[in-house]
Amino acid sequence: MSVHQQRLKTIEFAIGATQFECQLQNWQIVNNTDDGDRQFTFCPDGEFYEEADDSYQLSLKFFADWRSAGISEYLWANDSSNATFTLVHLPGVVGEEQTWTGTVKVKAPTVGGDVRTTEVQEVTLPCIGKPEKVRSA
C-alpha cells in the first residue's frame, strides 16, 4: 500500500451548543486506558489480563476568548460541570471524515501569561466514558 497523508487544516468543534473551532490551535483525543493487570494461574495456559476501565481525555490549546460567547468564558462559567462535545475531523473529505461525540468534565483554564504576548490557554478535559466515533458516509 502506498503512503497516504492529510494535513490538519479544518475541524468542526462544539462544546454544548457552541462552536469553538476558530479559537483552537491544537486538539487531541487522548487514550489513557491502561493495559490491565497481567494475572497467572498454575495451569499451562493460565495467563490473562484483567480488563481496565476506559480512560480518555480531550486536550485543547486555544487562543483565549473572554467575550460572553467565547471558549474561555464558557469553560470558566461551566467549571466542574459535564458537557457534551462534538468534533468532526477532516470535514468534507470523502471517505475520511470522522465524528467523535462524548461527554467531558469541564475545567476552567489557567489565566495569564507573559507580557506583550497573545494569550493562549491549554486545558485537559477528562472524558466520561469512551468517546463514540462515527465514520461519515
Protein backbone atom coordinates (compact mmCIF):
# COMPACT_ATOMS: atom_id res chain seq x y z
CA MET A 1 0.00 0.00 0.00
CA SER A 2 1.32 3.46 -0.87
CA VAL A 3 1.65 6.33 1.56
CA HIS A 4 -1.39 8.48 2.28
CA GLN A 5 -1.36 11.67 4.33
CA GLN A 6 -3.63 14.57 5.28
CA ARG A 7 -2.79 17.94 6.79
CA LEU A 8 -4.76 19.12 9.79
CA LYS A 9 -6.50 22.20 8.41
CA THR A 10 -10.12 22.39 9.48
CA ILE A 11 -12.38 20.77 12.02
CA GLU A 12 -15.82 21.40 13.39
CA PHE A 13 -15.81 21.57 17.20
CA ALA A 14 -18.56 22.31 19.70
CA ILE A 15 -18.91 22.05 23.44
CA GLY A 16 -22.56 22.12 24.37
CA ALA A 17 -24.29 24.02 21.57
CA THR A 18 -21.46 26.50 20.88
CA GLN A 19 -18.93 26.17 18.04
CA PHE A 20 -15.33 26.94 19.04
CA GLU A 21 -13.16 25.57 16.19
CA CYS A 22 -11.95 29.05 15.17
CA GLN A 23 -10.25 29.53 18.56
CA LEU A 24 -8.43 26.16 18.62
CA GLN A 25 -4.75 25.89 17.85
CA ASN A 26 -4.30 22.24 18.87
CA TRP A 27 -6.62 19.37 19.83
CA GLN A 28 -6.18 15.74 20.76
CA ILE A 29 -8.42 12.95 21.93
CA VAL A 30 -6.03 11.00 24.15
CA ASN A 31 -6.46 7.34 25.11
CA ASN A 32 -5.03 6.89 28.63
CA THR A 33 -6.56 3.44 29.16
CA ASP A 34 -4.21 1.07 30.98
CA ASP A 35 -3.42 -2.34 29.51
CA GLY A 36 -4.94 -4.10 32.51
CA ASP A 37 -3.31 -6.28 35.12
CA ARG A 38 -1.47 -9.40 33.96
CA GLN A 39 -2.54 -12.42 36.02
CA PHE A 40 -1.24 -16.01 36.19
CA THR A 41 -2.51 -19.37 37.36
CA PHE A 42 -0.73 -22.75 37.60
CA CYS A 43 -2.43 -24.28 34.53
CA PRO A 44 -0.46 -24.45 31.20
CA ASP A 45 -2.42 -21.63 29.55
CA GLY A 46 -3.02 -19.78 32.80
CA GLU A 47 -2.13 -16.23 31.76
CA PHE A 48 -4.72 -13.50 31.24
CA TYR A 49 -5.22 -9.77 31.54
CA GLU A 50 -7.89 -8.22 33.73
CA GLU A 51 -9.78 -5.55 31.82
CA ALA A 52 -9.01 -1.93 32.57
CA ASP A 53 -11.61 0.83 32.63
CA ASP A 54 -11.67 3.25 29.70
CA SER A 55 -9.80 6.49 30.34
CA TYR A 56 -9.90 9.21 27.68
CA GLN A 57 -9.32 12.96 27.68
CA LEU A 58 -9.85 15.85 25.31
CA SER A 59 -6.80 18.15 25.29
CA LEU A 60 -7.23 21.64 23.85
CA LYS A 61 -4.90 24.56 23.17
CA PHE A 62 -6.65 27.73 22.12
CA PHE A 63 -6.48 31.49 21.83
CA ALA A 64 -8.15 32.96 24.89
CA ASP A 65 -11.57 34.42 24.22
CA TRP A 66 -13.22 36.13 27.18
CA ARG A 67 -16.19 37.52 25.25
CA SER A 68 -19.59 36.39 26.53
CA ALA A 69 -19.77 33.53 23.99
CA GLY A 70 -16.01 32.80 23.98
CA ILE A 71 -14.39 29.49 24.86
CA SER A 72 -12.50 30.88 27.88
CA GLU A 73 -15.68 32.35 29.33
CA TYR A 74 -17.62 29.13 28.62
CA LEU A 75 -15.04 26.93 30.37
CA TRP A 76 -14.78 29.29 33.35
CA ALA A 77 -18.56 29.62 33.75
CA ASN A 78 -19.12 25.85 33.48
CA ASP A 79 -16.17 24.68 35.60
CA SER A 80 -16.77 21.22 37.15
CA SER A 81 -19.95 20.58 35.16
CA ASN A 82 -20.44 17.95 32.48
CA ALA A 83 -20.88 18.97 28.85
CA THR A 84 -21.25 17.17 25.55
CA PHE A 85 -18.76 17.70 22.75
CA THR A 86 -18.73 17.03 19.03
CA LEU A 87 -15.55 17.03 16.97
CA VAL A 88 -15.61 16.49 13.20
CA HIS A 89 -12.16 15.59 11.88
CA LEU A 90 -11.43 16.16 8.16
CA PRO A 91 -14.89 17.63 7.47
CA GLY A 92 -15.96 17.25 3.86
CA VAL A 93 -13.16 14.82 2.94
CA VAL A 94 -14.99 11.93 1.32
CA GLY A 95 -14.10 8.58 2.86
CA GLU A 96 -12.07 10.13 5.69
CA GLU A 97 -14.44 12.39 7.66
CA GLN A 98 -14.84 11.14 11.25
CA THR A 99 -17.06 12.46 14.03
CA TRP A 100 -16.34 11.95 17.73
CA THR A 101 -19.00 12.69 20.34
CA GLY A 102 -18.87 12.32 24.08
CA THR A 103 -19.18 13.96 27.45
CA VAL A 104 -16.39 15.79 29.27
CA LYS A 105 -15.99 17.22 32.75
CA VAL A 106 -15.38 20.92 32.13
CA LYS A 107 -12.34 22.56 33.74
CA ALA A 108 -11.65 26.27 33.87
CA PRO A 109 -8.45 27.24 32.04
CA THR A 110 -5.37 28.79 33.61
CA VAL A 111 -5.38 32.56 33.11
CA GLY A 112 -2.45 34.86 32.37
CA GLY A 113 0.92 34.72 30.66
CA ASP A 114 3.94 36.74 29.63
CA VAL A 115 3.70 40.47 29.00
CA ARG A 116 3.06 41.56 25.39
CA THR A 117 2.20 38.05 24.15
CA THR A 118 -1.00 36.65 22.73
CA GLU A 119 -2.96 34.93 25.48
CA VAL A 120 -3.05 31.21 24.75
CA GLN A 121 -4.67 28.70 27.09
CA GLU A 122 -4.46 24.93 27.43
CA VAL A 123 -6.90 22.65 29.18
CA THR A 124 -7.32 18.90 29.56
CA LEU A 125 -10.92 17.77 29.89
CA PRO A 126 -11.45 14.23 31.21
CA CYS A 127 -13.98 12.24 29.16
CA ILE A 128 -16.75 10.40 30.89
CA GLY A 129 -16.52 7.00 29.24
CA LYS A 130 -15.12 6.39 25.78
CA PRO A 131 -16.00 8.94 23.07
CA GLU A 132 -18.05 7.47 20.24
CA LYS A 133 -16.58 7.62 16.72
CA VAL A 134 -18.69 7.52 13.59
CA ARG A 135 -17.34 7.43 10.02
CA SER A 136 -19.29 9.67 7.67
CA ALA A 137 -20.75 8.07 4.58
